[in-house]
Amino acid sequence: MMKTEEPTSENSETDFIRVAQVDEVPAGKGRVFKVLGKSVALFNVAGCFYAINNICPHEGGPLAKGRVKGHVVSCPWHDLQFDVRNGFGTEGGGYCVASYEVRVDGDQICISLRRRGI
């Protein structure tokens, strides 16, 4: 797990926190990062990066360790599935997780904890 980066004057203006370099998150995989104390799962889907809350609302499973197929991640504990683009559960039932904005600046991946608009 990567250490949380404290906001700098540069970050506080935009609310984006640098968490990783592009090559640190392989395609088709997820990684967990602590961003201002929050556990965030960052996914690389064919070169596009998406961030959602890492904690599955069912029983707290680590979503970053789940299997990624297309834009869907499956919780490794009970196979509950979420769309990494928006955090919505794919099977209904009201399950969802927060989705966060991601920005790639050169080779740096930055995440904002402002919830992503749908």
PDB file of N, CA and C in Angstrom:
ATOM      1  N   MET A   1       0.842  -1.162   0.000  1.00  0.00           N
ATOM      2  CA  MET A   1       0.000   0.000   0.000  1.00  0.00           C
ATOM      3  C   MET A   1       0.897   1.238   0.000  1.00  0.00           C
ATOM      4  N   MET A   2       0.513   2.218  -0.764  1.00  0.00           N
ATOM      5  CA  MET A   2       1.304   3.435  -0.887  1.00  0.00           C
ATOM      6  C   MET A   2       0.938   4.402   0.240  1.00  0.00           C
ATOM      7  N   LYS A   3       1.907   5.131   0.716  1.00  0.00           N
ATOM      8  CA  LYS A   3       1.696   6.111   1.765  1.00  0.00           C
ATOM      9  C   LYS A   3       0.824   7.253   1.253  1.00  0.00           C
ATOM     10  N   THR A   4      -0.047   7.749   2.122  1.00  0.00           N
ATOM     11  CA  THR A   4      -0.907   8.871   1.763  1.00  0.00           C
ATOM     12  C   THR A   4      -0.069  10.114   1.541  1.00  0.00           C
ATOM     13  N   GLU A   5      -0.344  10.809   0.473  1.00  0.00           N
ATOM     14  CA  GLU A   5       0.338  12.075   0.214  1.00  0.00           C
ATOM     15  C   GLU A   5      -0.470  13.183   0.856  1.00  0.00           C
ATOM     16  N   GLU A   6       0.178  14.015   1.609  1.00  0.00           N
ATOM     17  CA  GLU A   6      -0.494  15.153   2.225  1.00  0.00           C
ATOM     18  C   GLU A   6      -0.743  16.230   1.179  1.00  0.00           C
ATOM     19  N   PRO A   7      -1.859  16.936   1.284  1.00  0.00           N
ATOM     20  CA  PRO A   7      -2.143  17.986   0.303  1.00  0.00           C
ATOM     21  C   PRO A   7      -1.076  19.071   0.342  1.00  0.00           C
ATOM     22  N   THR A   8      -0.730  19.561  -0.816  1.00  0.00           N
ATOM     23  CA  THR A   8       0.176  20.697  -0.906  1.00  0.00           C
ATOM     24  C   THR A   8      -0.640  21.870  -1.417  1.00  0.00           C
ATOM     25  N   SER A   9      -0.037  23.041  -1.516  1.00  0.00           N
ATOM     26  CA  SER A   9      -0.787  24.177  -2.047  1.00  0.00           C
ATOM     27  C   SER A   9      -1.251  23.886  -3.464  1.00  0.00           C
ATOM     28  N   GLU A  10      -0.443  23.126  -4.220  1.00  0.00           N
ATOM     29  CA  GLU A  10      -0.837  22.757  -5.579  1.00  0.00           C
ATOM     30  C   GLU A  10      -2.075  21.848  -5.542  1.00  0.00           C
ATOM     31  N   ASN A  11      -2.077  20.853  -4.637  1.00  0.00           N
ATOM     32  CA  ASN A  11      -3.195  19.921  -4.542  1.00  0.00           C
ATOM     33  C   ASN A  11      -4.447  20.579  -3.990  1.00  0.00           C
ATOM     34  N   SER A  12      -4.319  21.436  -3.000  1.00  0.00           N
ATOM     35  CA  SER A  12      -5.497  21.997  -2.353  1.00  0.00           C
ATOM     36  C   SER A  12      -6.312  22.863  -3.309  1.00  0.00           C
ATOM     37  N   GLU A  13      -5.685  23.450  -4.294  1.00  0.00           N
ATOM     38  CA  GLU A  13      -6.418  24.263  -5.262  1.00  0.00           C
ATOM     39  C   GLU A  13      -7.314  23.417  -6.148  1.00  0.00           C
ATOM     40  N   THR A  14      -6.891  22.201  -6.448  1.00  0.00           N
ATOM     41  CA  THR A  14      -7.643  21.361  -7.376  1.00  0.00           C
ATOM     42  C   THR A  14      -8.287  20.158  -6.701  1.00  0.00           C
ATOM     43  N   ASP A  15      -7.954  19.875  -5.478  1.00  0.00           N
ATOM     44  CA  ASP A  15      -8.444  18.714  -4.736  1.00  0.00           C
ATOM     45  C   ASP A  15      -7.929  17.385  -5.262  1.00  0.00           C
ATOM     46  N   PHE A  16      -6.975  17.391  -6.162  1.00  0.00           N
ATOM     47  CA  PHE A  16      -6.407  16.154  -6.678  1.00  0.00           C
ATOM     48  C   PHE A  16      -5.120  15.829  -5.932  1.00  0.00           C
ATOM     49  N   ILE A  17      -4.977  14.545  -5.559  1.00  0.00           N
ATOM     50  CA  ILE A  17      -3.811  14.061  -4.834  1.00  0.00           C
ATOM     51  C   ILE A  17      -3.081  13.057  -5.719  1.00  0.00           C
ATOM     52  N   ARG A  18      -1.782  13.231  -5.890  1.00  0.00           N
ATOM     53  CA  ARG A  18      -0.985  12.266  -6.651  1.00  0.00           C
ATOM     54  C   ARG A  18      -0.878  10.976  -5.846  1.00  0.00           C
ATOM     55  N   VAL A  19      -1.169   9.840  -6.495  1.00  0.00           N
ATOM     56  CA  VAL A  19      -1.105   8.565  -5.779  1.00  0.00           C
ATOM     57  C   VAL A  19      -0.146   7.562  -6.405  1.00  0.00           C
ATOM     58  N   ALA A  20       0.071   7.639  -7.719  1.00  0.00           N
ATOM     59  CA  ALA A  20       0.891   6.614  -8.375  1.00  0.00           C
ATOM     60  C   ALA A  20       1.355   7.094  -9.736  1.00  0.00           C
ATOM     61  N   GLN A  21       2.268   6.330 -10.298  1.00  0.00           N
ATOM     62  CA  GLN A  21       2.651   6.524 -11.689  1.00  0.00           C
ATOM     63  C   GLN A  21       1.841   5.530 -12.524  1.00  0.00           C
ATOM     64  N   VAL A  22       1.611   5.872 -13.768  1.00  0.00           N
ATOM     65  CA  VAL A  22       0.799   5.057 -14.669  1.00  0.00           C
ATOM     66  C   VAL A  22       1.280   3.607 -14.700  1.00  0.00           C
ATOM     67  N   ASP A  23       2.584   3.389 -14.746  1.00  0.00           N
ATOM     68  CA  ASP A  23       3.106   2.022 -14.859  1.00  0.00           C
ATOM     69  C   ASP A  23       2.998   1.213 -13.565  1.00  0.00           C
ATOM     70  N   GLU A  24       2.531   1.822 -12.478  1.00  0.00           N
ATOM     71  CA  GLU A  24       2.371   1.100 -11.217  1.00  0.00           C
ATOM     72  C   GLU A  24       1.037   0.371 -11.105  1.00  0.00           C
ATOM     73  N   VAL A  25       0.120   0.624 -12.045  1.00  0.00           N
ATOM     74  CA  VAL A  25      -1.194  -0.032 -12.026  1.00  0.00           C
ATOM     75  C   VAL A  25      -1.364  -0.737 -13.376  1.00  0.00           C
ATOM     76  N   PRO A  26      -1.067  -2.036 -13.436  1.00  0.00           N
ATOM     77  CA  PRO A  26      -1.138  -2.768 -14.703  1.00  0.00           C
ATOM     78  C   PRO A  26      -2.561  -2.832 -15.264  1.00  0.00           C
ATOM     79  N   ALA A  27      -2.672  -2.921 -16.569  1.00  0.00           N
ATOM     80  CA  ALA A  27      -3.977  -3.045 -17.230  1.00  0.00           C
ATOM     81  C   ALA A  27      -4.701  -4.285 -16.716  1.00  0.00           C
ATOM     82  N   GLY A  28      -5.998  -4.117 -16.449  1.00  0.00           N
ATOM     83  CA  GLY A  28      -6.826  -5.218 -15.972  1.00  0.00           C
ATOM     84  C   GLY A  28      -6.676  -5.522 -14.497  1.00  0.00           C
ATOM     85  N   LYS A  29      -6.007  -4.638 -13.775  1.00  0.00           N
ATOM     86  CA  LYS A  29      -5.758  -4.861 -12.346  1.00  0.00           C
ATOM     87  C   LYS A  29      -6.184  -3.654 -11.521  1.00  0.00           C
ATOM     88  N   GLY A  30      -6.270  -3.869 -10.212  1.00  0.00           N
ATOM     89  CA  GLY A  30      -6.554  -2.794  -9.269  1.00  0.00           C
ATOM     90  C   GLY A  30      -5.468  -2.731  -8.220  1.00  0.00           C
ATOM     91  N   ARG A  31      -5.330  -1.563  -7.628  1.00  0.00           N
ATOM     92  CA  ARG A  31      -4.407  -1.351  -6.503  1.00  0.00           C
ATOM     93  C   ARG A  31      -5.103  -0.473  -5.497  1.00  0.00           C
ATOM     94  N   VAL A  32      -4.772  -0.672  -4.247  1.00  0.00           N
ATOM     95  CA  VAL A  32      -5.369   0.131  -3.192  1.00  0.00           C
ATOM     96  C   VAL A  32      -4.384   1.211  -2.755  1.00  0.00           C
ATOM     97  N   PHE A  33      -4.935   2.411  -2.506  1.00  0.00           N
ATOM     98  CA  PHE A  33      -4.152   3.537  -2.018  1.00  0.00           C
ATOM     99  C   PHE A  33      -4.921   4.213  -0.896  1.00  0.00           C
ATOM    100  N   LYS A  34      -4.205   4.739   0.066  1.00  0.00           N
ATOM    101  CA  LYS A  34      -4.807   5.564   1.107  1.00  0.00           C
ATOM    102  C   LYS A  34      -4.736   7.004   0.617  1.00  0.00           C
ATOM    103  N   VAL A  35      -5.875   7.643   0.480  1.00  0.00           N
ATOM    104  CA  VAL A  35      -5.944   9.029   0.033  1.00  0.00           C
ATOM    105  C   VAL A  35      -6.636   9.820   1.138  1.00  0.00           C
ATOM    106  N   LEU A  36      -5.862  10.644   1.813  1.00  0.00           N
ATOM    107  CA  LEU A  36      -6.371  11.423   2.943  1.00  0.00           C
ATOM    108  C   LEU A  36      -7.122  10.536   3.928  1.00  0.00           C
ATOM    109  N   GLY A  37      -6.565   9.361   4.207  1.00  0.00           N
ATOM    110  CA  GLY A  37      -7.125   8.443   5.184  1.00  0.00           C
ATOM    111  C   GLY A  37      -8.196   7.502   4.655  1.00  0.00           C
ATOM    112  N   LYS A  38      -8.613   7.662   3.420  1.00  0.00           N
ATOM    113  CA  LYS A  38      -9.664   6.818   2.836  1.00  0.00           C
ATOM    114  C   LYS A  38      -9.025   5.747   1.960  1.00  0.00           C
ATOM    115  N   SER A  39      -9.534   4.519   2.077  1.00  0.00           N
ATOM    116  CA  SER A  39      -9.050   3.410   1.267  1.00  0.00           C
ATOM    117  C   SER A  39      -9.735   3.459  -0.099  1.00  0.00           C
ATOM    118  N   VAL A  40      -8.924   3.681  -1.155  1.00  0.00           N
ATOM    119  CA  VAL A  40      -9.440   3.866  -2.514  1.00  0.00           C
ATOM    120  C   VAL A  40      -8.848   2.797  -3.426  1.00  0.00           C
ATOM    121  N   ALA A  41      -9.717   2.151  -4.216  1.00  0.00           N
ATOM    122  CA  ALA A  41      -9.288   1.168  -5.203  1.00  0.00           C
ATOM    123  C   ALA A  41      -9.137   1.874  -6.546  1.00  0.00           C
ATOM    124  N   LEU A  42      -7.962   1.774  -7.138  1.00  0.00           N
ATOM    125  CA  LEU A  42      -7.673   2.386  -8.430  1.00  0.00           C
ATOM    126  C   LEU A  42      -7.509   1.275  -9.460  1.00  0.00           C
ATOM    127  N   PHE A  43      -8.248   1.370 -10.570  1.00  0.00           N
ATOM    128  CA  PHE A  43      -8.241   0.335 -11.604  1.00  0.00           C
ATOM    129  C   PHE A  43      -7.755   0.898 -12.930  1.00  0.00           C
ATOM    130  N   ASN A  44      -7.064   0.051 -13.686  1.00  0.00           N
ATOM    131  CA  ASN A  44      -6.616   0.368 -15.036  1.00  0.00           C
ATOM    132  C   ASN A  44      -7.403  -0.536 -15.980  1.00  0.00           C
ATOM    133  N   VAL A  45      -8.305   0.054 -16.762  1.00  0.00           N
ATOM    134  CA  VAL A  45      -9.078  -0.701 -17.747  1.00  0.00           C
ATOM    135  C   VAL A  45      -8.655  -0.197 -19.121  1.00  0.00           C
ATOM    136  N   ALA A  46      -7.826  -0.992 -19.791  1.00  0.00           N
ATOM    137  CA  ALA A  46      -7.342  -0.668 -21.133  1.00  0.00           C
ATOM    138  C   ALA A  46      -6.742   0.736 -21.215  1.00  0.00           C
ATOM    139  N   GLY A  47      -5.975   1.116 -20.187  1.00  0.00           N
ATOM    140  CA  GLY A  47      -5.305   2.410 -20.192  1.00  0.00           C
ATOM    141  C   GLY A  47      -6.115   3.562 -19.630  1.00  0.00           C
ATOM    142  N   CYS A  48      -7.368   3.319 -19.252  1.00  0.00           N
ATOM    143  CA  CYS A  48      -8.196   4.332 -18.588  1.00  0.00           C
ATOM    144  C   CYS A  48      -8.248   3.990 -17.104  1.00  0.00           C
ATOM    145  N   PHE A  49      -8.154   5.009 -16.260  1.00  0.00           N
ATOM    146  CA  PHE A  49      -8.077   4.793 -14.822  1.00  0.00           C
ATOM    147  C   PHE A  49      -9.363   5.239 -14.136  1.00  0.00           C
ATOM    148  N   TYR A  50      -9.808   4.398 -13.183  1.00  0.00           N
ATOM    149  CA  TYR A  50     -11.046   4.643 -12.436  1.00  0.00           C
ATOM    150  C   TYR A  50     -10.778   4.394 -10.962  1.00  0.00           C
ATOM    151  N   ALA A  51     -11.437   5.177 -10.102  1.00  0.00           N
ATOM    152  CA  ALA A  51     -11.252   5.028  -8.664  1.00  0.00           C
ATOM    153  C   ALA A  51     -12.606   4.904  -7.975  1.00  0.00           C
ATOM    154  N   ILE A  52     -12.710   3.907  -7.086  1.00  0.00           N
ATOM    155  CA  ILE A  52     -13.903   3.713  -6.278  1.00  0.00           C
ATOM    156  C   ILE A  52     -13.474   3.425  -4.842  1.00  0.00           C
ATOM    157  N   ASN A  53     -14.424   3.501  -3.928  1.00  0.00           N
ATOM    158  CA  ASN A  53     -14.143   3.120  -2.551  1.00  0.00           C
ATOM    159  C   ASN A  53     -13.699   1.661  -2.546  1.00  0.00           C
ATOM    160  N   ASN A  54     -12.671   1.347  -1.795  1.00  0.00           N
ATOM    161  CA  ASN A  54     -12.109   0.000  -1.772  1.00  0.00           C
ATOM    162  C   ASN A  54     -12.927  -0.984  -0.950  1.00  0.00           C
ATOM    163  N   ILE A  55     -13.834  -0.503  -0.128  1.00  0.00           N
ATOM    164  CA  ILE A  55     -14.542  -1.368   0.815  1.00  0.00           C
ATOM    165  C   ILE A  55     -15.901  -1.782   0.265  1.00  0.00           C
ATOM    166  N   CYS A  56     -16.104  -3.081   0.065  1.00  0.00           N
ATOM    167  CA  CYS A  56     -17.386  -3.596  -0.406  1.00  0.00           C
ATOM    168  C   CYS A  56     -18.435  -3.370   0.682  1.00  0.00           C
ATOM    169  N   PRO A  57     -19.611  -2.828   0.323  1.00  0.00           N
ATOM    170  CA  PRO A  57     -20.635  -2.550   1.329  1.00  0.00           C
ATOM    171  C   PRO A  57     -21.296  -3.810   1.896  1.00  0.00           C
ATOM    172  N   HIS A  58     -21.091  -4.945   1.280  1.00  0.00           N
ATOM    173  CA  HIS A  58     -21.721  -6.181   1.760  1.00  0.00           C
ATOM    174  C   HIS A  58     -21.099  -6.639   3.077  1.00  0.00           C
ATOM    175  N   GLU A  59     -19.796  -6.924   3.065  1.00  0.00           N
ATOM    176  CA  GLU A  59     -19.121  -7.350   4.293  1.00  0.00           C
ATOM    177  C   GLU A  59     -17.701  -6.816   4.388  1.00  0.00           C
ATOM    178  N   GLY A  60     -17.404  -5.750   3.647  1.00  0.00           N
ATOM    179  CA  GLY A  60     -16.109  -5.083   3.789  1.00  0.00           C
ATOM    180  C   GLY A  60     -14.963  -5.663   2.999  1.00  0.00           C
ATOM    181  N   GLY A  61     -15.251  -6.467   1.990  1.00  0.00           N
ATOM    182  CA  GLY A  61     -14.189  -7.062   1.180  1.00  0.00           C
ATOM    183  C   GLY A  61     -13.368  -6.002   0.453  1.00  0.00           C
ATOM    184  N   PRO A  62     -12.085  -6.296   0.171  1.00  0.00           N
ATOM    185  CA  PRO A  62     -11.185  -5.352  -0.501  1.00  0.00           C
ATOM    186  C   PRO A  62     -11.358  -5.391  -2.025  1.00  0.00           C
ATOM    187  N   LEU A  63     -12.083  -4.449  -2.589  1.00  0.00           N
ATOM    188  CA  LEU A  63     -12.397  -4.467  -4.017  1.00  0.00           C
ATOM    189  C   LEU A  63     -11.164  -4.406  -4.916  1.00  0.00           C
ATOM    190  N   ALA A  64     -10.102  -3.736  -4.479  1.00  0.00           N
ATOM    191  CA  ALA A  64      -8.887  -3.647  -5.303  1.00  0.00           C
ATOM    192  C   ALA A  64      -8.272  -5.014  -5.563  1.00  0.00           C
ATOM    193  N   LYS A  65      -8.582  -5.991  -4.726  1.00  0.00           N
ATOM    194  CA  LYS A  65      -8.053  -7.342  -4.894  1.00  0.00           C
ATOM    195  C   LYS A  65      -8.995  -8.226  -5.708  1.00  0.00           C
ATOM    196  N   GLY A  66     -10.109  -7.649  -6.171  1.00  0.00           N
ATOM    197  CA  GLY A  66     -11.090  -8.417  -6.928  1.00  0.00           C
ATOM    198  C   GLY A  66     -10.681  -8.651  -8.375  1.00  0.00           C
ATOM    199  N   ARG A  67     -11.406  -9.569  -9.016  1.00  0.00           N
ATOM    200  CA  ARG A  67     -11.189  -9.885 -10.431  1.00  0.00           C
ATOM    201  C   ARG A  67     -11.834  -8.798 -11.280  1.00  0.00           C
ATOM    202  N   VAL A  68     -11.088  -8.292 -12.263  1.00  0.00           N
ATOM    203  CA  VAL A  68     -11.590  -7.239 -13.144  1.00  0.00           C
ATOM    204  C   VAL A  68     -11.872  -7.850 -14.514  1.00  0.00           C
ATOM    205  N   LYS A  69     -13.105  -7.640 -14.988  1.00  0.00           N
ATOM    206  CA  LYS A  69     -13.486  -8.106 -16.324  1.00  0.00           C
ATOM    207  C   LYS A  69     -14.197  -6.944 -16.995  1.00  0.00           C
ATOM    208  N   GLY A  70     -13.543  -6.369 -18.005  1.00  0.00           N
ATOM    209  CA  GLY A  70     -14.087  -5.158 -18.620  1.00  0.00           C
ATOM    210  C   GLY A  70     -14.110  -4.048 -17.595  1.00  0.00           C
ATOM    211  N   HIS A  71     -15.262  -3.421 -17.418  1.00  0.00           N
ATOM    212  CA  HIS A  71     -15.409  -2.330 -16.441  1.00  0.00           C
ATOM    213  C   HIS A  71     -16.015  -2.810 -15.127  1.00  0.00           C
ATOM    214  N   VAL A  72     -16.024  -4.118 -14.896  1.00  0.00           N
ATOM    215  CA  VAL A  72     -16.657  -4.673 -13.705  1.00  0.00           C
ATOM    216  C   VAL A  72     -15.619  -5.347 -12.822  1.00  0.00           C
ATOM    217  N   VAL A  73     -15.670  -5.016 -11.518  1.00  0.00           N
ATOM    218  CA  VAL A  73     -14.820  -5.685 -10.541  1.00  0.00           C
ATOM    219  C   VAL A  73     -15.726  -6.526  -9.639  1.00  0.00           C
ATOM    220  N   SER A  74     -15.252  -7.735  -9.328  1.00  0.00           N
ATOM    221  CA  SER A  74     -15.979  -8.642  -8.445  1.00  0.00           C
ATOM    222  C   SER A  74     -15.297  -8.670  -7.095  1.00  0.00           C
ATOM    223  N   CYS A  75     -16.066  -8.487  -6.033  1.00  0.00           N
ATOM    224  CA  CYS A  75     -15.504  -8.561  -4.683  1.00  0.00           C
ATOM    225  C   CYS A  75     -14.906  -9.951  -4.481  1.00  0.00           C
ATOM    226  N   PRO A  76     -13.675 -10.025  -3.977  1.00  0.00           N
ATOM    227  CA  PRO A  76     -13.032 -11.327  -3.810  1.00  0.00           C
ATOM    228  C   PRO A  76     -13.658 -12.186  -2.712  1.00  0.00           C
ATOM    229  N   TRP A  77     -14.491 -11.606  -1.853  1.00  0.00           N
ATOM    230  CA  TRP A  77     -15.087 -12.374  -0.753  1.00  0.00           C
ATOM    231  C   TRP A  77     -16.388 -13.071  -1.144  1.00  0.00           C
ATOM    232  N   HIS A  78     -17.295 -12.347  -1.799  1.00  0.00           N
ATOM    233  CA  HIS A  78     -18.608 -12.935  -2.105  1.00  0.00           C
ATOM    234  C   HIS A  78     -19.068 -12.662  -3.530  1.00  0.00           C
ATOM    235  N   ASP A  79     -18.171 -12.181  -4.389  1.00  0.00           N
ATOM    236  CA  ASP A  79     -18.428 -12.005  -5.818  1.00  0.00           C
ATOM    237  C   ASP A  79     -19.454 -10.925  -6.157  1.00  0.00           C
ATOM    238  N   LEU A  80     -19.778 -10.041  -5.223  1.00  0.00           N
ATOM    239  CA  LEU A  80     -20.643  -8.906  -5.551  1.00  0.00           C
ATOM    240  C   LEU A  80     -19.900  -8.043  -6.566  1.00  0.00           C
ATOM    241  N   GLN A  81     -20.600  -7.553  -7.590  1.00  0.00           N
ATOM    242  CA  GLN A  81     -19.929  -6.863  -8.689  1.00  0.00           C
ATOM    243  C   GLN A  81     -20.297  -5.384  -8.755  1.00  0.00           C
ATOM    244  N   PHE A  82     -19.291  -4.572  -9.149  1.00  0.00           N
ATOM    245  CA  PHE A  82     -19.453  -3.132  -9.254  1.00  0.00           C
ATOM    246  C   PHE A  82     -18.828  -2.636 -10.557  1.00  0.00           C
ATOM    247  N   ASP A  83     -19.474  -1.641 -11.155  1.00  0.00           N
ATOM    248  CA  ASP A  83     -18.929  -0.978 -12.338  1.00  0.00           C
ATOM    249  C   ASP A  83     -17.908   0.044 -11.843  1.00  0.00           C
ATOM    250  N   VAL A  84     -16.647  -0.090 -12.265  1.00  0.00           N
ATOM    251  CA  VAL A  84     -15.595   0.809 -11.781  1.00  0.00           C
ATOM    252  C   VAL A  84     -15.758   2.229 -12.306  1.00  0.00           C
ATOM    253  N   ARG A  85     -16.567   2.416 -13.347  1.00  0.00           N
ATOM    254  CA  ARG A  85     -16.772   3.759 -13.908  1.00  0.00           C
ATOM    255  C   ARG A  85     -17.663   4.627 -13.037  1.00  0.00           C
ATOM    256  N   ASN A  86     -18.590   4.008 -12.279  1.00  0.00           N
ATOM    257  CA  ASN A  86     -19.534   4.808 -11.497  1.00  0.00           C
ATOM    258  C   ASN A  86     -19.822   4.249 -10.104  1.00  0.00           C
ATOM    259  N   GLY A  87     -19.311   3.074  -9.776  1.00  0.00           N
ATOM    260  CA  GLY A  87     -19.507   2.484  -8.460  1.00  0.00           C
ATOM    261  C   GLY A  87     -20.826   1.746  -8.276  1.00  0.00           C
ATOM    262  N   PHE A  88     -21.670   1.715  -9.291  1.00  0.00           N
ATOM    263  CA  PHE A  88     -22.970   1.050  -9.167  1.00  0.00           C
ATOM    264  C   PHE A  88     -22.806  -0.467  -9.164  1.00  0.00           C
ATOM    265  N   GLY A  89     -23.602  -1.128  -8.317  1.00  0.00           N
ATOM    266  CA  GLY A  89     -23.658  -2.578  -8.331  1.00  0.00           C
ATOM    267  C   GLY A  89     -24.307  -3.027  -9.635  1.00  0.00           C
ATOM    268  N   THR A  90     -23.809  -4.106 -10.209  1.00  0.00           N
ATOM    269  CA  THR A  90     -24.325  -4.556 -11.498  1.00  0.00           C
ATOM    270  C   THR A  90     -25.539  -5.463 -11.352  1.00  0.00           C
ATOM    271  N   GLU A  91     -25.831  -5.901 -10.129  1.00  0.00           N
ATOM    272  CA  GLU A  91     -26.913  -6.858  -9.918  1.00  0.00           C
ATOM    273  C   GLU A  91     -28.122  -6.244  -9.222  1.00  0.00           C
ATOM    274  N   GLY A  92     -28.173  -4.930  -9.125  1.00  0.00           N
ATOM    275  CA  GLY A  92     -29.285  -4.299  -8.421  1.00  0.00           C
ATOM    276  C   GLY A  92     -29.154  -4.498  -6.923  1.00  0.00           C
ATOM    277  N   GLY A  93     -30.249  -4.423  -6.214  1.00  0.00           N
ATOM    278  CA  GLY A  93     -30.230  -4.639  -4.778  1.00  0.00           C
ATOM    279  C   GLY A  93     -29.768  -3.434  -3.977  1.00  0.00           C
ATOM    280  N   GLY A  94     -29.449  -2.338  -4.647  1.00  0.00           N
ATOM    281  CA  GLY A  94     -29.067  -1.119  -3.942  1.00  0.00           C
ATOM    282  C   GLY A  94     -27.612  -1.012  -3.543  1.00  0.00           C
ATOM    283  N   TYR A  95     -26.807  -2.035  -3.819  1.00  0.00           N
ATOM    284  CA  TYR A  95     -25.400  -1.947  -3.469  1.00  0.00           C
ATOM    285  C   TYR A  95     -24.670  -1.019  -4.430  1.00  0.00           C
ATOM    286  N   CYS A  96     -23.863  -0.111  -3.873  1.00  0.00           N
ATOM    287  CA  CYS A  96     -23.003   0.747  -4.675  1.00  0.00           C
ATOM    288  C   CYS A  96     -21.880   1.257  -3.777  1.00  0.00           C
ATOM    289  N   VAL A  97     -20.841   1.775  -4.400  1.00  0.00           N
ATOM    290  CA  VAL A  97     -19.725   2.377  -3.681  1.00  0.00           C
ATOM    291  C   VAL A  97     -19.446   3.741  -4.296  1.00  0.00           C
ATOM    292  N   ALA A  98     -18.808   4.601  -3.539  1.00  0.00           N
ATOM    293  CA  ALA A  98     -18.457   5.932  -4.046  1.00  0.00           C
ATOM    294  C   ALA A  98     -17.465   5.797  -5.203  1.00  0.00           C
ATOM    295  N   SER A  99     -17.616   6.666  -6.185  1.00  0.00           N
ATOM    296  CA  SER A  99     -16.737   6.730  -7.344  1.00  0.00           C
ATOM    297  C   SER A  99     -16.057   8.089  -7.328  1.00  0.00           C
ATOM    298  N   TYR A 100     -14.767   8.125  -7.603  1.00  0.00           N
ATOM    299  CA  TYR A 100     -13.997   9.361  -7.498  1.00  0.00           C
ATOM    300  C   TYR A 100     -13.381   9.764  -8.834  1.00  0.00           C
ATOM    301  N   GLU A 101     -13.142  11.054  -8.981  1.00  0.00           N
ATOM    302  CA  GLU A 101     -12.529  11.575 -10.200  1.00  0.00           C
ATOM    303  C   GLU A 101     -11.051  11.205 -10.244  1.00  0.00           C
ATOM    304  N   VAL A 102     -10.599  10.846 -11.439  1.00  0.00           N
ATOM    305  CA  VAL A 102      -9.195  10.502 -11.674  1.00  0.00           C
ATOM    306  C   VAL A 102      -8.672  11.378 -12.798  1.00  0.00           C
ATOM    307  N   ARG A 103      -7.453  11.848 -12.633  1.00  0.00           N
ATOM    308  CA  ARG A 103      -6.794  12.651 -13.664  1.00  0.00           C
ATOM    309  C   ARG A 103      -5.390  12.092 -13.866  1.00  0.00           C
ATOM    310  N   VAL A 104      -5.003  11.960 -15.126  1.00  0.00           N
ATOM    311  CA  VAL A 104      -3.640  11.544 -15.447  1.00  0.00           C
ATOM    312  C   VAL A 104      -2.915  12.766 -15.970  1.00  0.00           C
ATOM    313  N   ASP A 105      -1.811  13.106 -15.305  1.00  0.00           N
ATOM    314  CA  ASP A 105      -1.008  14.259 -15.665  1.00  0.00           C
ATOM    315  C   ASP A 105       0.384  13.748 -16.025  1.00  0.00           C
ATOM    316  N   GLY A 106       0.636  13.589 -17.320  1.00  0.00           N
ATOM    317  CA  GLY A 106       1.899  12.981 -17.754  1.00  0.00           C
ATOM    318  C   GLY A 106       1.884  11.521 -17.370  1.00  0.00           C
ATOM    319  N   ASP A 107       2.813  11.112 -16.507  1.00  0.00           N
ATOM    320  CA  ASP A 107       2.821   9.723 -16.039  1.00  0.00           C
ATOM    321  C   ASP A 107       2.294   9.590 -14.612  1.00  0.00           C
ATOM    322  N   GLN A 108       1.735  10.668 -14.064  1.00  0.00           N
ATOM    323  CA  GLN A 108       1.227  10.674 -12.699  1.00  0.00           C
ATOM    324  C   GLN A 108      -0.297  10.508 -12.667  1.00  0.00           C
ATOM    325  N   ILE A 109      -0.779   9.649 -11.772  1.00  0.00           N
ATOM    326  CA  ILE A 109      -2.212   9.457 -11.575  1.00  0.00           C
ATOM    327  C   ILE A 109      -2.608  10.220 -10.324  1.00  0.00           C
ATOM    328  N   CYS A 110      -3.646  11.039 -10.464  1.00  0.00           N
ATOM    329  CA  CYS A 110      -4.144  11.853  -9.349  1.00  0.00           C
ATOM    330  C   CYS A 110      -5.614  11.527  -9.113  1.00  0.00           C
ATOM    331  N   ILE A 111      -6.025  11.513  -7.841  1.00  0.00           N
ATOM    332  CA  ILE A 111      -7.406  11.214  -7.475  1.00  0.00           C
ATOM    333  C   ILE A 111      -7.956  12.356  -6.642  1.00  0.00           C
ATOM    334  N   SER A 112      -9.211  12.704  -6.897  1.00  0.00           N
ATOM    335  CA  SER A 112      -9.925  13.657  -6.067  1.00  0.00           C
ATOM    336  C   SER A 112     -10.975  12.890  -5.282  1.00  0.00           C
ATOM    337  N   LEU A 113     -11.112  13.171  -3.999  1.00  0.00           N
ATOM    338  CA  LEU A 113     -12.126  12.499  -3.192  1.00  0.00           C
ATOM    339  C   LEU A 113     -13.510  13.098  -3.352  1.00  0.00           C
ATOM    340  N   ARG A 114     -13.622  14.148  -4.206  1.00  0.00           N
ATOM    341  CA  ARG A 114     -14.958  14.617  -4.554  1.00  0.00           C
ATOM    342  C   ARG A 114     -15.633  13.516  -5.331  1.00  0.00           C
ATOM    343  N   ARG A 115     -16.850  13.202  -4.965  1.00  0.00           N
ATOM    344  CA  ARG A 115     -17.549  12.127  -5.673  1.00  0.00           C
ATOM    345  C   ARG A 115     -17.748  12.498  -7.120  1.00  0.00           C
ATOM    346  N   ARG A 116     -17.601  11.531  -7.945  1.00  0.00           N
ATOM    347  CA  ARG A 116     -17.696  11.706  -9.387  1.00  0.00           C
ATOM    348  C   ARG A 116     -19.154  11.862  -9.809  1.00  0.00           C
ATOM    349  N   GLY A 117     -19.426  12.804 -10.701  1.00  0.00           N
ATOM    350  CA  GLY A 117     -20.779  12.985 -11.232  1.00  0.00           C
ATOM    351  C   GLY A 117     -21.118  11.887 -12.212  1.00  0.00           C
ATOM    352  N   ILE A 118     -22.378  11.570 -12.285  1.00  0.00           N
ATOM    353  CA  ILE A 118     -22.830  10.507 -13.187  1.00  0.00           C
ATOM    354  C   ILE A 118     -23.334  11.135 -14.465  1.00  0.00           C
TER     355      ILE A 118
END
